[in-house]
PDB file of N, CA and C in Angstrom:
ATOM      1  N   MET A   1      90.377 116.532  70.922  1.00  0.00           N
ATOM      2  CA  MET A   1      88.913 117.093  70.574  1.00  0.00           C
ATOM      3  C   MET A   1      88.125 117.367  71.858  1.00  0.00           C
ATOM      4  N   GLU A   2      88.423 117.298  72.839  1.00  0.00           N
ATOM      5  CA  GLU A   2      87.847 117.444  73.774  1.00  0.00           C
ATOM      6  C   GLU A   2      88.481 118.788  74.313  1.00  0.00           C
ATOM      7  N   TRP A   3      89.336 118.937  74.330  1.00  0.00           N
ATOM      8  CA  TRP A   3      89.527 120.627  74.457  1.00  0.00           C
ATOM      9  C   TRP A   3      89.049 121.802  73.617  1.00  0.00           C
ATOM     10  N   PHE A   4      88.381 120.989  72.059  1.00  0.00           N
ATOM     11  CA  PHE A   4      87.933 121.580  71.572  1.00  0.00           C
ATOM     12  C   PHE A   4      86.669 122.057  71.636  1.00  0.00           C
ATOM     13  N   LEU A   5      86.316 121.083  72.202  1.00  0.00           N
ATOM     14  CA  LEU A   5      84.848 120.805  72.919  1.00  0.00           C
ATOM     15  C   LEU A   5      84.413 121.833  73.935  1.00  0.00           C
ATOM     16  N   LEU A   6      85.470 121.865  74.565  1.00  0.00           N
ATOM     17  CA  LEU A   6      85.329 122.794  75.798  1.00  0.00           C
ATOM     18  C   LEU A   6      85.400 124.135  75.632  1.00  0.00           C
ATOM     19  N   TRP A   7      86.315 124.599  74.360  1.00  0.00           N
ATOM     20  CA  TRP A   7      86.857 125.961  74.163  1.00  0.00           C
ATOM     21  C   TRP A   7      85.498 126.330  73.424  1.00  0.00           C
ATOM     22  N   LEU A   8      84.911 125.308  72.798  1.00  0.00           N
ATOM     23  CA  LEU A   8      83.352 126.138  72.065  1.00  0.00           C
ATOM     24  C   LEU A   8      82.294 126.449  73.427  1.00  0.00           C
ATOM     25  N   PHE A   9      82.420 125.288  74.200  1.00  0.00           N
ATOM     26  CA  PHE A   9      81.366 125.278  74.698  1.00  0.00           C
ATOM     27  C   PHE A   9      81.653 126.694  75.791  1.00  0.00           C
ATOM     28  N   CYS A  10      82.967 127.317  76.089  1.00  0.00           N
ATOM     29  CA  CYS A  10      82.792 128.618  76.522  1.00  0.00           C
ATOM     30  C   CYS A  10      82.715 129.800  75.617  1.00  0.00           C
ATOM     31  N   GLY A  11      82.774 129.202  74.304  1.00  0.00           N
ATOM     32  CA  GLY A  11      82.543 130.430  73.795  1.00  0.00           C
ATOM     33  C   GLY A  11      80.948 130.706  73.305  1.00  0.00           C
ATOM     34  N   PHE A  12      80.329 129.611  73.434  1.00  0.00           N
ATOM     35  CA  PHE A  12      78.466 129.934  73.893  1.00  0.00           C
ATOM     36  C   PHE A  12      78.482 130.678  75.230  1.00  0.00           C
ATOM     37  N   ILE A  13      79.032 130.274  76.268  1.00  0.00           N
ATOM     38  CA  ILE A  13      78.584 130.342  77.647  1.00  0.00           C
ATOM     39  C   ILE A  13      79.312 132.105  77.260  1.00  0.00           C
ATOM     40  N   ALA A  14      80.054 132.413  77.174  1.00  0.00           N
ATOM     41  CA  ALA A  14      80.428 134.002  77.011  1.00  0.00           C
ATOM     42  C   ALA A  14      79.589 134.541  75.614  1.00  0.00           C
ATOM     43  N   ALA A  15      79.047 134.074  74.839  1.00  0.00           N
ATOM     44  CA  ALA A  15      78.524 135.008  73.833  1.00  0.00           C
ATOM     45  C   ALA A  15      76.762 135.234  74.766  1.00  0.00           C
ATOM     46  N   PHE A  16      76.997 134.283  76.021  1.00  0.00           N
ATOM     47  CA  PHE A  16      75.184 134.302  76.472  1.00  0.00           C
ATOM     48  C   PHE A  16      75.473 135.186  77.261  1.00  0.00           C
ATOM     49  N   LEU A  17      76.519 135.387  78.004  1.00  0.00           N
ATOM     50  CA  LEU A  17      76.599 136.017  79.306  1.00  0.00           C
ATOM     51  C   LEU A  17      76.606 137.817  78.662  1.00  0.00           C
ATOM     52  N   ALA A  18      77.857 137.551  77.430  1.00  0.00           N
ATOM     53  CA  ALA A  18      77.557 139.152  76.968  1.00  0.00           C
ATOM     54  C   ALA A  18      76.339 139.725  76.672  1.00  0.00           C
ATOM     55  N   ASP A  19      75.857 138.602  75.854  1.00  0.00           N
ATOM     56  CA  ASP A  19      73.986 139.232  75.362  1.00  0.00           C
ATOM     57  C   ASP A  19      73.595 139.680  76.752  1.00  0.00           C
ATOM     58  N   ARG A  20      73.543 138.863  77.688  1.00  0.00           N
ATOM     59  CA  ARG A  20      72.566 139.417  78.751  1.00  0.00           C
ATOM     60  C   ARG A  20      73.416 140.469  79.406  1.00  0.00           C
ATOM     61  N   LYS A  21      74.292 141.011  79.195  1.00  0.00           N
ATOM     62  CA  LYS A  21      75.089 142.366  79.502  1.00  0.00           C
ATOM     63  C   LYS A  21      74.811 143.541  78.763  1.00  0.00           C
ATOM     64  N   GLY A  22      74.132 143.133  77.704  1.00  0.00           N
ATOM     65  CA  GLY A  22      73.904 143.748  76.607  1.00  0.00           C
ATOM     66  C   GLY A  22      75.473 144.176  75.700  1.00  0.00           C
ATOM     67  N   SER A  23      76.390 143.175  75.968  1.00  0.00           N
ATOM     68  CA  SER A  23      77.352 143.469  75.026  1.00  0.00           C
ATOM     69  C   SER A  23      77.031 142.596  73.644  1.00  0.00           C
ATOM     70  N   SER A  24      78.002 142.853  72.978  1.00  0.00           N
ATOM     71  CA  SER A  24      78.224 142.314  72.005  1.00  0.00           C
ATOM     72  C   SER A  24      78.424 140.713  71.728  1.00  0.00           C
ATOM     73  N   THR A  25      77.386 139.715  71.148  1.00  0.00           N
ATOM     74  CA  THR A  25      77.075 138.557  71.512  1.00  0.00           C
ATOM     75  C   THR A  25      78.658 137.648  70.308  1.00  0.00           C
ATOM     76  N   VAL A  26      79.068 138.438  69.499  1.00  0.00           N
ATOM     77  CA  VAL A  26      79.580 137.701  68.590  1.00  0.00           C
ATOM     78  C   VAL A  26      81.118 138.179  69.041  1.00  0.00           C
ATOM     79  N   LEU A  27      81.466 138.905  69.640  1.00  0.00           N
ATOM     80  CA  LEU A  27      82.527 139.485  70.722  1.00  0.00           C
ATOM     81  C   LEU A  27      82.740 138.640  71.793  1.00  0.00           C
ATOM     82  N   GLY A  28      81.545 138.404  72.247  1.00  0.00           N
ATOM     83  CA  GLY A  28      81.772 137.230  73.327  1.00  0.00           C
ATOM     84  C   GLY A  28      82.149 136.035  73.173  1.00  0.00           C
ATOM     85  N   PHE A  29      81.497 135.373  71.679  1.00  0.00           N
ATOM     86  CA  PHE A  29      81.651 134.111  71.220  1.00  0.00           C
ATOM     87  C   PHE A  29      83.226 134.065  71.035  1.00  0.00           C
ATOM     88  N   LEU A  30      83.892 135.352  70.184  1.00  0.00           N
ATOM     89  CA  LEU A  30      85.281 135.332  69.920  1.00  0.00           C
ATOM     90  C   LEU A  30      86.603 134.769  70.990  1.00  0.00           C
ATOM     91  N   LEU A  31      85.637 135.993  72.172  1.00  0.00           N
ATOM     92  CA  LEU A  31      86.585 135.766  73.720  1.00  0.00           C
ATOM     93  C   LEU A  31      86.496 134.250  73.905  1.00  0.00           C
ATOM     94  N   GLY A  32      85.582 133.910  74.394  1.00  0.00           N
ATOM     95  CA  GLY A  32      85.369 132.244  74.896  1.00  0.00           C
ATOM     96  C   GLY A  32      86.003 131.378  73.721  1.00  0.00           C
ATOM     97  N   LEU A  33      86.000 131.560  72.784  1.00  0.00           N
ATOM     98  CA  LEU A  33      86.119 130.701  71.880  1.00  0.00           C
ATOM     99  C   LEU A  33      88.083 130.752  71.635  1.00  0.00           C
ATOM    100  N   ILE A  34      88.374 131.993  72.018  1.00  0.00           N
ATOM    101  CA  ILE A  34      89.988 131.790  71.604  1.00  0.00           C
ATOM    102  C   ILE A  34      90.526 131.701  72.949  1.00  0.00           C
ATOM    103  N   LEU A  35      89.998 132.384  74.107  1.00  0.00           N
ATOM    104  CA  LEU A  35      90.486 132.357  75.806  1.00  0.00           C
ATOM    105  C   LEU A  35      89.924 131.059  76.699  1.00  0.00           C
ATOM    106  N   GLY A  36      89.305 130.364  75.933  1.00  0.00           N
ATOM    107  CA  GLY A  36      88.287 129.604  76.934  1.00  0.00           C
ATOM    108  C   GLY A  36      87.663 129.954  78.159  1.00  0.00           C
ATOM    109  N   PRO A  37      88.127 129.862  79.195  1.00  0.00           N
ATOM    110  CA  PRO A  37      87.663 130.051  80.502  1.00  0.00           C
ATOM    111  C   PRO A  37      87.998 131.342  80.846  1.00  0.00           C
ATOM    112  N   PHE A  38      88.964 131.812  80.269  1.00  0.00           N
ATOM    113  CA  PHE A  38      89.436 133.008  80.799  1.00  0.00           C
ATOM    114  C   PHE A  38      88.359 134.205  79.690  1.00  0.00           C
ATOM    115  N   GLY A  39      88.082 133.506  78.665  1.00  0.00           N
ATOM    116  CA  GLY A  39      87.419 134.516  78.265  1.00  0.00           C
ATOM    117  C   GLY A  39      86.039 134.920  78.724  1.00  0.00           C
ATOM    118  N   ILE A  40      85.552 133.805  79.346  1.00  0.00           N
ATOM    119  CA  ILE A  40      84.502 134.167  80.312  1.00  0.00           C
ATOM    120  C   ILE A  40      84.334 134.796  80.816  1.00  0.00           C
ATOM    121  N   ILE A  41      85.955 134.835  81.909  1.00  0.00           N
ATOM    122  CA  ILE A  41      86.098 135.896  83.021  1.00  0.00           C
ATOM    123  C   ILE A  41      86.287 136.962  82.264  1.00  0.00           C
ATOM    124  N   ALA A  42      86.826 137.423  80.857  1.00  0.00           N
ATOM    125  CA  ALA A  42      86.976 138.546  80.500  1.00  0.00           C
ATOM    126  C   ALA A  42      85.451 139.176  80.354  1.00  0.00           C
ATOM    127  N   VAL A  43      84.344 138.611  79.778  1.00  0.00           N
ATOM    128  CA  VAL A  43      83.066 139.029  79.599  1.00  0.00           C
ATOM    129  C   VAL A  43      82.554 139.308  80.807  1.00  0.00           C
ATOM    130  N   LEU A  44      82.597 138.531  81.852  1.00  0.00           N
ATOM    131  CA  LEU A  44      82.022 138.751  83.208  1.00  0.00           C
ATOM    132  C   LEU A  44      82.847 140.598  83.667  1.00  0.00           C
ATOM    133  N   ALA A  45      84.241 140.749  83.038  1.00  0.00           N
ATOM    134  CA  ALA A  45      84.781 141.832  83.628  1.00  0.00           C
ATOM    135  C   ALA A  45      83.941 143.273  82.583  1.00  0.00           C
ATOM    136  N   MET A  46      83.207 143.147  81.541  1.00  0.00           N
ATOM    137  CA  MET A  46      82.669 144.082  80.789  1.00  0.00           C
ATOM    138  C   MET A  46      82.142 144.527  81.218  1.00  0.00           C
ATOM    139  N   SER A  47      82.148 145.509  80.744  1.00  0.00           N
ATOM    140  CA  SER A  47      80.975 146.917  81.779  1.00  0.00           C
ATOM    141  C   SER A  47      79.756 146.523  80.874  1.00  0.00           C
ATOM    142  N   GLY A  48      78.799 146.619  81.821  1.00  0.00           N
ATOM    143  CA  GLY A  48      77.320 146.601  81.014  1.00  0.00           C
ATOM    144  C   GLY A  48      76.940 147.953  81.118  1.00  0.00           C
ATOM    145  N   THR A  49      75.707 148.453  80.268  1.00  0.00           N
ATOM    146  CA  THR A  49      74.777 149.650  81.134  1.00  0.00           C
ATOM    147  C   THR A  49      73.995 149.034  82.115  1.00  0.00           C
ATOM    148  N   THR A  50      73.713 150.251  82.609  1.00  0.00           N
ATOM    149  CA  THR A  50      73.208 149.919  83.873  1.00  0.00           C
ATOM    150  C   THR A  50      71.763 151.334  83.868  1.00  0.00           C
ATOM    151  N   CYS A  51      70.939 150.976  84.982  1.00  0.00           N
ATOM    152  CA  CYS A  51      69.877 152.048  84.979  1.00  0.00           C
ATOM    153  C   CYS A  51      70.301 153.412  85.594  1.00  0.00           C
ATOM    154  N   PRO A  52      69.881 154.387  85.389  1.00  0.00           N
ATOM    155  CA  PRO A  52      70.527 155.381  86.243  1.00  0.00           C
ATOM    156  C   PRO A  52      69.786 155.446  87.680  1.00  0.00           C
ATOM    157  N   ALA A  53      68.072 155.437  87.676  1.00  0.00           N
ATOM    158  CA  ALA A  53      67.331 155.236  88.315  1.00  0.00           C
ATOM    159  C   ALA A  53      67.525 153.899  89.638  1.00  0.00           C
ATOM    160  N   CYS A  54      67.873 152.577  89.227  1.00  0.00           N
ATOM    161  CA  CYS A  54      67.270 151.421  89.949  1.00  0.00           C
ATOM    162  C   CYS A  54      69.327 151.324  90.113  1.00  0.00           C
ATOM    163  N   ARG A  55      70.091 151.066  89.106  1.00  0.00           N
ATOM    164  CA  ARG A  55      71.594 150.790  89.128  1.00  0.00           C
ATOM    165  C   ARG A  55      71.431 149.241  88.639  1.00  0.00           C
ATOM    166  N   SER A  56      70.559 148.535  87.962  1.00  0.00           N
ATOM    167  CA  SER A  56      70.245 147.189  87.486  1.00  0.00           C
ATOM    168  C   SER A  56      70.935 147.238  86.203  1.00  0.00           C
ATOM    169  N   ARG A  57      71.328 146.511  85.896  1.00  0.00           N
ATOM    170  CA  ARG A  57      71.918 145.980  84.593  1.00  0.00           C
ATOM    171  C   ARG A  57      70.911 145.938  83.673  1.00  0.00           C
ATOM    172  N   ILE A  58      70.948 146.989  82.309  1.00  0.00           N
ATOM    173  CA  ILE A  58      69.936 146.656  81.608  1.00  0.00           C
ATOM    174  C   ILE A  58      70.861 146.490  80.028  1.00  0.00           C
ATOM    175  N   HIS A  59      69.935 145.965  78.996  1.00  0.00           N
ATOM    176  CA  HIS A  59      70.200 145.946  77.520  1.00  0.00           C
ATOM    177  C   HIS A  59      70.523 147.185  77.364  1.00  0.00           C
ATOM    178  N   LYS A  60      71.870 147.430  76.465  1.00  0.00           N
ATOM    179  CA  LYS A  60      72.586 149.198  76.071  1.00  0.00           C
ATOM    180  C   LYS A  60      71.519 149.702  75.122  1.00  0.00           C
ATOM    181  N   GLN A  61      70.224 148.856  74.511  1.00  0.00           N
ATOM    182  CA  GLN A  61      69.375 149.298  73.498  1.00  0.00           C
ATOM    183  C   GLN A  61      68.040 149.903  74.159  1.00  0.00           C
ATOM    184  N   ALA A  62      68.080 149.318  75.514  1.00  0.00           N
ATOM    185  CA  ALA A  62      66.615 149.424  76.241  1.00  0.00           C
ATOM    186  C   ALA A  62      66.062 151.199  76.083  1.00  0.00           C
ATOM    187  N   THR A  63      64.977 151.119  75.641  1.00  0.00           N
ATOM    188  CA  THR A  63      63.986 152.350  76.597  1.00  0.00           C
ATOM    189  C   THR A  63      63.562 152.467  77.588  1.00  0.00           C
ATOM    190  N   ARG A  64      63.355 151.481  78.420  1.00  0.00           N
ATOM    191  CA  ARG A  64      62.723 151.696  79.685  1.00  0.00           C
ATOM    192  C   ARG A  64      63.281 150.484  80.370  1.00  0.00           C
ATOM    193  N   CYS A  65      63.530 151.087  81.622  1.00  0.00           N
ATOM    194  CA  CYS A  65      64.225 149.983  82.621  1.00  0.00           C
ATOM    195  C   CYS A  65      63.322 148.911  82.714  1.00  0.00           C
ATOM    196  N   PRO A  66      63.688 146.979  82.618  1.00  0.00           N
ATOM    197  CA  PRO A  66      62.365 146.750  82.889  1.00  0.00           C
ATOM    198  C   PRO A  66      62.240 146.154  84.389  1.00  0.00           C
ATOM    199  N   LYS A  67      63.219 146.794  85.093  1.00  0.00           N
ATOM    200  CA  LYS A  67      62.952 146.067  86.938  1.00  0.00           C
ATOM    201  C   LYS A  67      62.277 147.625  87.348  1.00  0.00           C
ATOM    202  N   CYS A  68      62.433 148.937  87.326  1.00  0.00           N
ATOM    203  CA  CYS A  68      61.818 149.735  87.513  1.00  0.00           C
ATOM    204  C   CYS A  68      60.823 150.643  86.680  1.00  0.00           C
ATOM    205  N   GLN A  69      60.701 150.157  85.307  1.00  0.00           N
ATOM    206  CA  GLN A  69      59.991 150.483  84.370  1.00  0.00           C
ATOM    207  C   GLN A  69      60.541 152.248  84.360  1.00  0.00           C
ATOM    208  N   ALA A  70      61.428 152.863  84.375  1.00  0.00           N
ATOM    209  CA  ALA A  70      62.253 154.487  84.442  1.00  0.00           C
ATOM    210  C   ALA A  70      62.582 154.011  83.125  1.00  0.00           C
ATOM    211  N   GLU A  71      62.055 155.453  82.384  1.00  0.00           N
ATOM    212  CA  GLU A  71      62.240 156.404  80.990  1.00  0.00           C
ATOM    213  C   GLU A  71      63.831 155.824  80.985  1.00  0.00           C
ATOM    214  N   LEU A  72      64.419 155.648  79.992  1.00  0.00           N
ATOM    215  CA  LEU A  72      65.846 156.020  79.737  1.00  0.00           C
ATOM    216  C   LEU A  72      66.190 156.734  78.284  1.00  0.00           C
ATOM    217  N   GLN A  73      66.834 157.715  78.646  1.00  0.00           N
ATOM    218  CA  GLN A  73      66.786 158.520  77.189  1.00  0.00           C
ATOM    219  C   GLN A  73      67.793 158.166  76.211  1.00  0.00           C
ATOM    220  N   ALA A  74      67.773 158.189  75.393  1.00  0.00           N
ATOM    221  CA  ALA A  74      68.124 157.514  73.541  1.00  0.00           C
ATOM    222  C   ALA A  74      69.909 158.046  73.838  1.00  0.00           C
ATOM    223  N   ALA A  75      70.827 156.749  73.290  1.00  0.00           N
ATOM    224  CA  ALA A  75      71.791 157.328  73.134  1.00  0.00           C
ATOM    225  C   ALA A  75      72.384 157.876  71.703  1.00  0.00           C
TER     226      ALA A  75
END
């Protein structure tokens, strides 16, 4: 039972990290749920979107960088 709770916790952590990186939250949750701690590492290794002006990580649907306020081109 403890292992299931650990894997469930890893799923929530991976989903949170994926959301912060601008990736799919569902994919992050599934990776954490299936792979456990290795899923968290996989989410951390996923490439995120970066601002072309200041190189900070931004959400993939952002139209303006929250750090430097640069306008971003629509994808």
